[in-house]
């Protein structure tokens, strides 16, 4: 059995106010993207691993910066959302024998191997079609909210810009890291539309679609919110650097 890891690294990161691709900004002397790739390649599981990187803005620069890693590249020529980015990998480099697909953003450098292994183990134990990493934040801000039913089952993810006032009050957020059964992901991602506030194809909509079709969805809530912290601005990068010591 083969596990594939798809890292999304196509965006410019315009709020960084820099021409450097967001994923190449350094955290303690190492690009954000390298932190993630090093963690992924250190994972000790019982399956073969393959690594896929979706690139777009300054694709050649990102490829040069990751040339020492064993990676297959997919190009997202237009940045049309996370769902569209994953589609590029699924149709160009991910093969049918890669039954388990892990998806991560390229700007979330503090995710730990322990949490990723927990996510994978939970996914397989539950025989899930999708497993979502979540965390709790007192100030969830622009993070997508986790939607649960009265029984506590995860039934969807709502992006902040599309949330109702009641949904904005939810403090459990989506970390943007998932494990999918490949076949379920391929079937569901074909149904995505861009009828939302940002006019993008949201990967998060796959979760609601799977719930609608009575597929199994599980989740893991990390008690360390820094693992879910992404980088969108220079201030956020500075905050992340203050929370992380390269010697820890």
C-alpha atoms as a PDB file:
ATOM      1  CA  UNK A   1       0.000   0.000   0.000  1.00  0.00           C
ATOM      2  CA  UNK A   2       1.259   3.464  -0.885  1.00  0.00           C
ATOM      3  CA  UNK A   3       0.591   6.756   0.869  1.00  0.00           C
ATOM      4  CA  UNK A   4       0.906   9.939  -1.134  1.00  0.00           C
ATOM      5  CA  UNK A   5       1.536  13.373   0.356  1.00  0.00           C
ATOM      6  CA  UNK A   6       0.310  16.363  -1.634  1.00  0.00           C
ATOM      7  CA  UNK A   7       1.750  19.692  -0.491  1.00  0.00           C
ATOM      8  CA  UNK A   8       0.049  22.816  -1.829  1.00  0.00           C
ATOM      9  CA  UNK A   9       2.643  25.456  -2.711  1.00  0.00           C
ATOM     10  CA  UNK A  10       1.236  27.334  -5.708  1.00  0.00           C
ATOM     11  CA  UNK A  11       0.220  30.635  -4.132  1.00  0.00           C
ATOM     12  CA  UNK A  12       2.115  33.904  -4.235  1.00  0.00           C
ATOM     13  CA  UNK A  13       1.214  35.015  -0.724  1.00  0.00           C
ATOM     14  CA  UNK A  14       0.459  38.592  -1.749  1.00  0.00           C
ATOM     15  CA  UNK A  15      -0.078  39.669   1.865  1.00  0.00           C
ATOM     16  CA  UNK A  16       3.597  38.973   2.550  1.00  0.00           C
ATOM     17  CA  UNK A  17       4.370  42.097   0.453  1.00  0.00           C
ATOM     18  CA  UNK A  18       7.260  40.297  -1.225  1.00  0.00           C
ATOM     19  CA  UNK A  19       8.020  38.831  -4.635  1.00  0.00           C
ATOM     20  CA  UNK A  20       9.411  35.721  -2.949  1.00  0.00           C
ATOM     21  CA  UNK A  21       6.923  32.814  -3.030  1.00  0.00           C
ATOM     22  CA  UNK A  22       5.342  32.524   0.398  1.00  0.00           C
ATOM     23  CA  UNK A  23       6.528  28.938   0.959  1.00  0.00           C
ATOM     24  CA  UNK A  24      10.162  30.017   0.462  1.00  0.00           C
ATOM     25  CA  UNK A  25      10.172  32.624   3.214  1.00  0.00           C
ATOM     26  CA  UNK A  26      12.625  31.488   5.901  1.00  0.00           C
ATOM     27  CA  UNK A  27      11.772  30.372   9.390  1.00  0.00           C
ATOM     28  CA  UNK A  28      14.974  30.274  11.451  1.00  0.00           C
ATOM     29  CA  UNK A  29      17.072  30.065   8.296  1.00  0.00           C
ATOM     30  CA  UNK A  30      15.095  27.331   6.522  1.00  0.00           C
ATOM     31  CA  UNK A  31      12.239  27.863   4.016  1.00  0.00           C
ATOM     32  CA  UNK A  32       8.771  27.169   5.375  1.00  0.00           C
ATOM     33  CA  UNK A  33       8.346  24.463   2.767  1.00  0.00           C
ATOM     34  CA  UNK A  34      11.512  22.647   3.855  1.00  0.00           C
ATOM     35  CA  UNK A  35      10.185  22.324   7.412  1.00  0.00           C
ATOM     36  CA  UNK A  36       7.138  20.470   6.093  1.00  0.00           C
ATOM     37  CA  UNK A  37       9.015  18.278   3.620  1.00  0.00           C
ATOM     38  CA  UNK A  38      11.588  17.298   6.260  1.00  0.00           C
ATOM     39  CA  UNK A  39       8.807  16.297   8.647  1.00  0.00           C
ATOM     40  CA  UNK A  40       7.038  14.256   5.968  1.00  0.00           C
ATOM     41  CA  UNK A  41      10.186  12.426   4.951  1.00  0.00           C
ATOM     42  CA  UNK A  42      10.939  11.571   8.576  1.00  0.00           C
ATOM     43  CA  UNK A  43       7.636   9.740   9.065  1.00  0.00           C
ATOM     44  CA  UNK A  44       7.983   6.083   9.932  1.00  0.00           C
ATOM     45  CA  UNK A  45       4.938   4.192   8.644  1.00  0.00           C
ATOM     46  CA  UNK A  46       4.362   0.733   7.223  1.00  0.00           C
ATOM     47  CA  UNK A  47       3.654   2.023   3.723  1.00  0.00           C
ATOM     48  CA  UNK A  48       5.652   3.349   0.806  1.00  0.00           C
ATOM     49  CA  UNK A  49       5.578   7.129   0.496  1.00  0.00           C
ATOM     50  CA  UNK A  50       5.351   9.359  -2.552  1.00  0.00           C
ATOM     51  CA  UNK A  51       5.550  13.130  -2.483  1.00  0.00           C
ATOM     52  CA  UNK A  52       3.729  15.555  -4.744  1.00  0.00           C
ATOM     53  CA  UNK A  53       4.161  19.324  -4.795  1.00  0.00           C
ATOM     54  CA  UNK A  54       1.636  21.619  -6.484  1.00  0.00           C
ATOM     55  CA  UNK A  55       3.444  24.716  -7.708  1.00  0.00           C
ATOM     56  CA  UNK A  56       2.238  27.818  -9.523  1.00  0.00           C
ATOM     57  CA  UNK A  57       3.604  31.273  -8.719  1.00  0.00           C
ATOM     58  CA  UNK A  58       7.338  31.295  -9.579  1.00  0.00           C
ATOM     59  CA  UNK A  59       7.113  27.539 -10.094  1.00  0.00           C
ATOM     60  CA  UNK A  60      10.704  27.247 -11.279  1.00  0.00           C
ATOM     61  CA  UNK A  61      12.017  28.959  -8.126  1.00  0.00           C
ATOM     62  CA  UNK A  62      10.061  26.588  -5.883  1.00  0.00           C
ATOM     63  CA  UNK A  63      11.261  23.601  -7.921  1.00  0.00           C
ATOM     64  CA  UNK A  64      14.878  24.742  -7.644  1.00  0.00           C
ATOM     65  CA  UNK A  65      14.501  25.194  -3.896  1.00  0.00           C
ATOM     66  CA  UNK A  66      13.204  21.624  -3.510  1.00  0.00           C
ATOM     67  CA  UNK A  67      15.389  19.836  -6.076  1.00  0.00           C
ATOM     68  CA  UNK A  68      17.153  17.806  -3.378  1.00  0.00           C
ATOM     69  CA  UNK A  69      13.873  16.176  -2.345  1.00  0.00           C
ATOM     70  CA  UNK A  70      12.308  13.226  -4.125  1.00  0.00           C
ATOM     71  CA  UNK A  71       9.171  14.985  -5.395  1.00  0.00           C
ATOM     72  CA  UNK A  72       6.823  14.938  -8.350  1.00  0.00           C
ATOM     73  CA  UNK A  73       5.557  18.342  -9.452  1.00  0.00           C
ATOM     74  CA  UNK A  74       2.148  19.457 -10.673  1.00  0.00           C
ATOM     75  CA  UNK A  75       1.599  22.966 -11.987  1.00  0.00           C
ATOM     76  CA  UNK A  76      -1.466  25.019 -11.122  1.00  0.00           C
ATOM     77  CA  UNK A  77      -1.343  27.611 -13.885  1.00  0.00           C
ATOM     78  CA  UNK A  78      -4.269  29.574 -12.431  1.00  0.00           C
ATOM     79  CA  UNK A  79      -4.743  29.840  -8.684  1.00  0.00           C
ATOM     80  CA  UNK A  80      -8.397  28.828  -8.515  1.00  0.00           C
ATOM     81  CA  UNK A  81      -8.473  27.471  -4.990  1.00  0.00           C
ATOM     82  CA  UNK A  82      -7.322  24.508  -2.949  1.00  0.00           C
ATOM     83  CA  UNK A  83      -9.742  22.090  -4.579  1.00  0.00           C
ATOM     84  CA  UNK A  84      -8.449  23.038  -8.013  1.00  0.00           C
ATOM     85  CA  UNK A  85      -4.856  22.667  -6.797  1.00  0.00           C
ATOM     86  CA  UNK A  86      -5.485  19.127  -5.570  1.00  0.00           C
ATOM     87  CA  UNK A  87      -7.160  18.278  -8.873  1.00  0.00           C
ATOM     88  CA  UNK A  88      -3.906  19.115 -10.671  1.00  0.00           C
ATOM     89  CA  UNK A  89      -1.994  16.530  -8.640  1.00  0.00           C
ATOM     90  CA  UNK A  90      -4.728  13.895  -8.893  1.00  0.00           C
ATOM     91  CA  UNK A  91      -4.822  14.168 -12.678  1.00  0.00           C
ATOM     92  CA  UNK A  92      -1.097  14.445 -13.372  1.00  0.00           C
ATOM     93  CA  UNK A  93       1.088  12.672 -10.807  1.00  0.00           C
ATOM     94  CA  UNK A  94      -0.977  10.700  -8.256  1.00  0.00           C
ATOM     95  CA  UNK A  95      -1.517   7.131  -9.466  1.00  0.00           C
ATOM     96  CA  UNK A  96      -4.342   4.669  -8.657  1.00  0.00           C
ATOM     97  CA  UNK A  97      -2.120   2.568  -6.389  1.00  0.00           C
ATOM     98  CA  UNK A  98      -1.710   5.510  -4.013  1.00  0.00           C
ATOM     99  CA  UNK A  99      -4.728   4.528  -1.928  1.00  0.00           C
ATOM    100  CA  UNK A 100      -4.185   6.986   0.930  1.00  0.00           C
ATOM    101  CA  UNK A 101      -3.749  10.687   0.157  1.00  0.00           C
ATOM    102  CA  UNK A 102      -2.507  13.203   2.742  1.00  0.00           C
ATOM    103  CA  UNK A 103      -2.945  16.876   1.840  1.00  0.00           C
ATOM    104  CA  UNK A 104      -1.104  19.722   3.558  1.00  0.00           C
ATOM    105  CA  UNK A 105      -0.595  23.452   2.938  1.00  0.00           C
ATOM    106  CA  UNK A 106       2.951  24.510   2.187  1.00  0.00           C
ATOM    107  CA  UNK A 107       2.871  27.324   4.775  1.00  0.00           C
ATOM    108  CA  UNK A 108       2.163  25.309   7.931  1.00  0.00           C
ATOM    109  CA  UNK A 109       5.698  24.483   9.104  1.00  0.00           C
ATOM    110  CA  UNK A 110       5.088  23.425  12.718  1.00  0.00           C
ATOM    111  CA  UNK A 111       3.000  20.333  12.043  1.00  0.00           C
ATOM    112  CA  UNK A 112       4.606  17.471  13.945  1.00  0.00           C
ATOM    113  CA  UNK A 113       5.303  13.916  12.862  1.00  0.00           C
ATOM    114  CA  UNK A 114       3.465  12.735  15.997  1.00  0.00           C
ATOM    115  CA  UNK A 115       0.265  14.486  14.948  1.00  0.00           C
ATOM    116  CA  UNK A 116       0.530  13.308  11.344  1.00  0.00           C
ATOM    117  CA  UNK A 117       0.968   9.712  12.480  1.00  0.00           C
ATOM    118  CA  UNK A 118      -2.016  10.100  14.812  1.00  0.00           C
ATOM    119  CA  UNK A 119      -4.045  11.447  11.883  1.00  0.00           C
ATOM    120  CA  UNK A 120      -3.075   8.499   9.682  1.00  0.00           C
ATOM    121  CA  UNK A 121      -3.706   5.933  12.411  1.00  0.00           C
ATOM    122  CA  UNK A 122      -7.119   7.422  13.188  1.00  0.00           C
ATOM    123  CA  UNK A 123      -8.005   7.382   9.495  1.00  0.00           C
ATOM    124  CA  UNK A 124      -7.131   3.718   9.062  1.00  0.00           C
ATOM    125  CA  UNK A 125      -8.653   2.579  12.363  1.00  0.00           C
ATOM    126  CA  UNK A 126     -11.953   4.249  11.463  1.00  0.00           C
ATOM    127  CA  UNK A 127     -11.812   2.946   7.859  1.00  0.00           C
ATOM    128  CA  UNK A 128     -12.604   6.560   7.021  1.00  0.00           C
ATOM    129  CA  UNK A 129     -13.006   8.178   3.635  1.00  0.00           C
ATOM    130  CA  UNK A 130     -11.693  11.454   5.081  1.00  0.00           C
ATOM    131  CA  UNK A 131      -9.974  12.483   8.293  1.00  0.00           C
ATOM    132  CA  UNK A 132      -9.595  16.148   9.204  1.00  0.00           C
ATOM    133  CA  UNK A 133      -7.096  17.793  11.540  1.00  0.00           C
ATOM    134  CA  UNK A 134      -8.704  20.434  13.746  1.00  0.00           C
ATOM    135  CA  UNK A 135      -7.781  22.563  16.747  1.00  0.00           C
ATOM    136  CA  UNK A 136      -9.455  25.010  19.121  1.00  0.00           C
ATOM    137  CA  UNK A 137      -8.756  28.756  18.960  1.00  0.00           C
ATOM    138  CA  UNK A 138     -10.219  31.410  21.249  1.00  0.00           C
ATOM    139  CA  UNK A 139      -9.978  33.854  18.325  1.00  0.00           C
ATOM    140  CA  UNK A 140     -10.575  31.762  15.155  1.00  0.00           C
ATOM    141  CA  UNK A 141     -10.301  34.760  12.828  1.00  0.00           C
ATOM    142  CA  UNK A 142     -10.181  33.799   9.151  1.00  0.00           C
ATOM    143  CA  UNK A 143      -9.845  30.055   9.689  1.00  0.00           C
ATOM    144  CA  UNK A 144     -12.551  27.751   8.358  1.00  0.00           C
ATOM    145  CA  UNK A 145     -14.992  26.524  10.997  1.00  0.00           C
ATOM    146  CA  UNK A 146     -15.687  22.874  11.768  1.00  0.00           C
ATOM    147  CA  UNK A 147     -19.397  22.085  11.483  1.00  0.00           C
ATOM    148  CA  UNK A 148     -20.745  19.248  13.628  1.00  0.00           C
ATOM    149  CA  UNK A 149     -24.237  17.879  14.095  1.00  0.00           C
ATOM    150  CA  UNK A 150     -26.054  17.421  17.403  1.00  0.00           C
ATOM    151  CA  UNK A 151     -24.301  14.063  17.847  1.00  0.00           C
ATOM    152  CA  UNK A 152     -20.882  15.665  17.474  1.00  0.00           C
ATOM    153  CA  UNK A 153     -20.193  14.158  14.057  1.00  0.00           C
ATOM    154  CA  UNK A 154     -18.138  16.282  11.677  1.00  0.00           C
ATOM    155  CA  UNK A 155     -20.443  17.068   8.760  1.00  0.00           C
ATOM    156  CA  UNK A 156     -18.727  19.954   7.001  1.00  0.00           C
ATOM    157  CA  UNK A 157     -16.245  22.825   6.954  1.00  0.00           C
ATOM    158  CA  UNK A 158     -17.334  26.392   6.326  1.00  0.00           C
ATOM    159  CA  UNK A 159     -14.838  28.971   5.139  1.00  0.00           C
ATOM    160  CA  UNK A 160     -14.905  32.087   7.310  1.00  0.00           C
ATOM    161  CA  UNK A 161     -16.002  34.390   4.486  1.00  0.00           C
ATOM    162  CA  UNK A 162     -19.066  32.202   3.933  1.00  0.00           C
ATOM    163  CA  UNK A 163     -19.970  31.732   7.621  1.00  0.00           C
ATOM    164  CA  UNK A 164     -23.163  32.915   9.262  1.00  0.00           C
ATOM    165  CA  UNK A 165     -22.770  34.896  12.516  1.00  0.00           C
ATOM    166  CA  UNK A 166     -23.561  31.712  14.458  1.00  0.00           C
ATOM    167  CA  UNK A 167     -20.906  29.747  12.580  1.00  0.00           C
ATOM    168  CA  UNK A 168     -18.316  32.472  13.148  1.00  0.00           C
ATOM    169  CA  UNK A 169     -18.754  31.870  16.876  1.00  0.00           C
ATOM    170  CA  UNK A 170     -17.462  28.297  16.500  1.00  0.00           C
ATOM    171  CA  UNK A 171     -13.983  27.945  18.000  1.00  0.00           C
ATOM    172  CA  UNK A 172     -13.001  24.587  16.448  1.00  0.00           C
ATOM    173  CA  UNK A 173     -11.144  25.361  13.244  1.00  0.00           C
ATOM    174  CA  UNK A 174      -9.862  23.512  10.211  1.00  0.00           C
ATOM    175  CA  UNK A 175      -6.071  23.118  10.190  1.00  0.00           C
ATOM    176  CA  UNK A 176      -6.072  22.494   6.432  1.00  0.00           C
ATOM    177  CA  UNK A 177      -4.492  19.052   6.798  1.00  0.00           C
ATOM    178  CA  UNK A 178      -6.420  15.975   5.673  1.00  0.00           C
ATOM    179  CA  UNK A 179      -6.173  12.266   4.961  1.00  0.00           C
ATOM    180  CA  UNK A 180      -8.404  10.881   2.210  1.00  0.00           C
ATOM    181  CA  UNK A 181      -9.246   7.576   0.660  1.00  0.00           C
ATOM    182  CA  UNK A 182      -8.078   8.315  -2.878  1.00  0.00           C
ATOM    183  CA  UNK A 183     -11.131   6.879  -4.646  1.00  0.00           C
ATOM    184  CA  UNK A 184     -13.545   8.848  -2.448  1.00  0.00           C
ATOM    185  CA  UNK A 185     -11.519  12.031  -2.984  1.00  0.00           C
ATOM    186  CA  UNK A 186     -11.444  11.604  -6.765  1.00  0.00           C
ATOM    187  CA  UNK A 187     -15.201  11.025  -6.918  1.00  0.00           C
ATOM    188  CA  UNK A 188     -16.066  13.948  -4.669  1.00  0.00           C
ATOM    189  CA  UNK A 189     -13.633  16.543  -6.001  1.00  0.00           C
ATOM    190  CA  UNK A 190     -15.270  16.341  -9.420  1.00  0.00           C
ATOM    191  CA  UNK A 191     -18.445  17.827  -7.917  1.00  0.00           C
ATOM    192  CA  UNK A 192     -16.826  21.061  -6.682  1.00  0.00           C
ATOM    193  CA  UNK A 193     -18.183  24.398  -7.817  1.00  0.00           C
ATOM    194  CA  UNK A 194     -16.938  27.946  -7.247  1.00  0.00           C
ATOM    195  CA  UNK A 195     -20.264  29.324  -5.992  1.00  0.00           C
ATOM    196  CA  UNK A 196     -18.865  30.999  -2.885  1.00  0.00           C
ATOM    197  CA  UNK A 197     -17.617  34.344  -1.603  1.00  0.00           C
ATOM    198  CA  UNK A 198     -14.142  33.943  -3.135  1.00  0.00           C
ATOM    199  CA  UNK A 199     -15.169  32.335  -6.439  1.00  0.00           C
ATOM    200  CA  UNK A 200     -12.775  29.443  -5.804  1.00  0.00           C
ATOM    201  CA  UNK A 201     -12.944  25.663  -5.743  1.00  0.00           C
ATOM    202  CA  UNK A 202     -12.676  24.852  -2.043  1.00  0.00           C
ATOM    203  CA  UNK A 203     -11.184  21.529  -1.015  1.00  0.00           C
ATOM    204  CA  UNK A 204     -13.200  21.920   2.182  1.00  0.00           C
ATOM    205  CA  UNK A 205     -16.415  21.386   0.201  1.00  0.00           C
ATOM    206  CA  UNK A 206     -15.333  17.786  -0.365  1.00  0.00           C
ATOM    207  CA  UNK A 207     -16.057  17.081   3.317  1.00  0.00           C
ATOM    208  CA  UNK A 208     -19.668  18.216   3.077  1.00  0.00           C
ATOM    209  CA  UNK A 209     -20.107  16.252  -0.124  1.00  0.00           C
ATOM    210  CA  UNK A 210     -18.781  13.085   1.507  1.00  0.00           C
ATOM    211  CA  UNK A 211     -21.177  13.575   4.425  1.00  0.00           C
ATOM    212  CA  UNK A 212     -24.102  14.028   2.026  1.00  0.00           C
ATOM    213  CA  UNK A 213     -23.206  10.695   0.440  1.00  0.00           C
ATOM    214  CA  UNK A 214     -22.997   8.975   3.844  1.00  0.00           C
ATOM    215  CA  UNK A 215     -19.264   8.418   3.702  1.00  0.00           C
ATOM    216  CA  UNK A 216     -17.212   8.016   6.878  1.00  0.00           C
ATOM    217  CA  UNK A 217     -15.529  11.184   8.170  1.00  0.00           C
ATOM    218  CA  UNK A 218     -13.262  11.200  11.213  1.00  0.00           C
ATOM    219  CA  UNK A 219     -11.156  13.883  12.856  1.00  0.00           C
ATOM    220  CA  UNK A 220      -8.242  14.546  15.172  1.00  0.00           C
ATOM    221  CA  UNK A 221      -8.101  17.678  17.330  1.00  0.00           C
ATOM    222  CA  UNK A 222      -4.549  18.695  18.164  1.00  0.00           C
ATOM    223  CA  UNK A 223      -4.144  20.333  21.573  1.00  0.00           C
ATOM    224  CA  UNK A 224      -1.264  22.441  20.217  1.00  0.00           C
ATOM    225  CA  UNK A 225      -2.758  25.244  18.053  1.00  0.00           C
ATOM    226  CA  UNK A 226       0.691  26.242  16.772  1.00  0.00           C
ATOM    227  CA  UNK A 227       0.659  23.098  14.622  1.00  0.00           C
ATOM    228  CA  UNK A 228      -2.230  24.589  12.661  1.00  0.00           C
ATOM    229  CA  UNK A 229      -0.694  28.026  12.273  1.00  0.00           C
ATOM    230  CA  UNK A 230      -0.203  29.061   8.682  1.00  0.00           C
ATOM    231  CA  UNK A 231       1.684  32.097   7.426  1.00  0.00           C
ATOM    232  CA  UNK A 232      -0.071  34.839   5.468  1.00  0.00           C
ATOM    233  CA  UNK A 233       1.777  37.972   6.572  1.00  0.00           C
ATOM    234  CA  UNK A 234       5.245  38.990   7.720  1.00  0.00           C
ATOM    235  CA  UNK A 235       3.813  39.599  11.197  1.00  0.00           C
ATOM    236  CA  UNK A 236       2.469  36.045  11.327  1.00  0.00           C
ATOM    237  CA  UNK A 237       5.866  34.734  10.293  1.00  0.00           C
ATOM    238  CA  UNK A 238       7.480  36.705  13.120  1.00  0.00           C
ATOM    239  CA  UNK A 239       4.895  35.351  15.572  1.00  0.00           C
ATOM    240  CA  UNK A 240       5.596  31.817  14.390  1.00  0.00           C
ATOM    241  CA  UNK A 241       9.345  32.329  14.792  1.00  0.00           C
ATOM    242  CA  UNK A 242       8.786  33.463  18.386  1.00  0.00           C
ATOM    243  CA  UNK A 243       6.792  30.294  19.148  1.00  0.00           C
ATOM    244  CA  UNK A 244       9.326  27.928  17.606  1.00  0.00           C
ATOM    245  CA  UNK A 245      12.900  27.206  18.569  1.00  0.00           C
ATOM    246  CA  UNK A 246      15.022  25.210  16.101  1.00  0.00           C
ATOM    247  CA  UNK A 247      16.566  23.458  19.108  1.00  0.00           C
ATOM    248  CA  UNK A 248      13.285  22.245  20.588  1.00  0.00           C
END
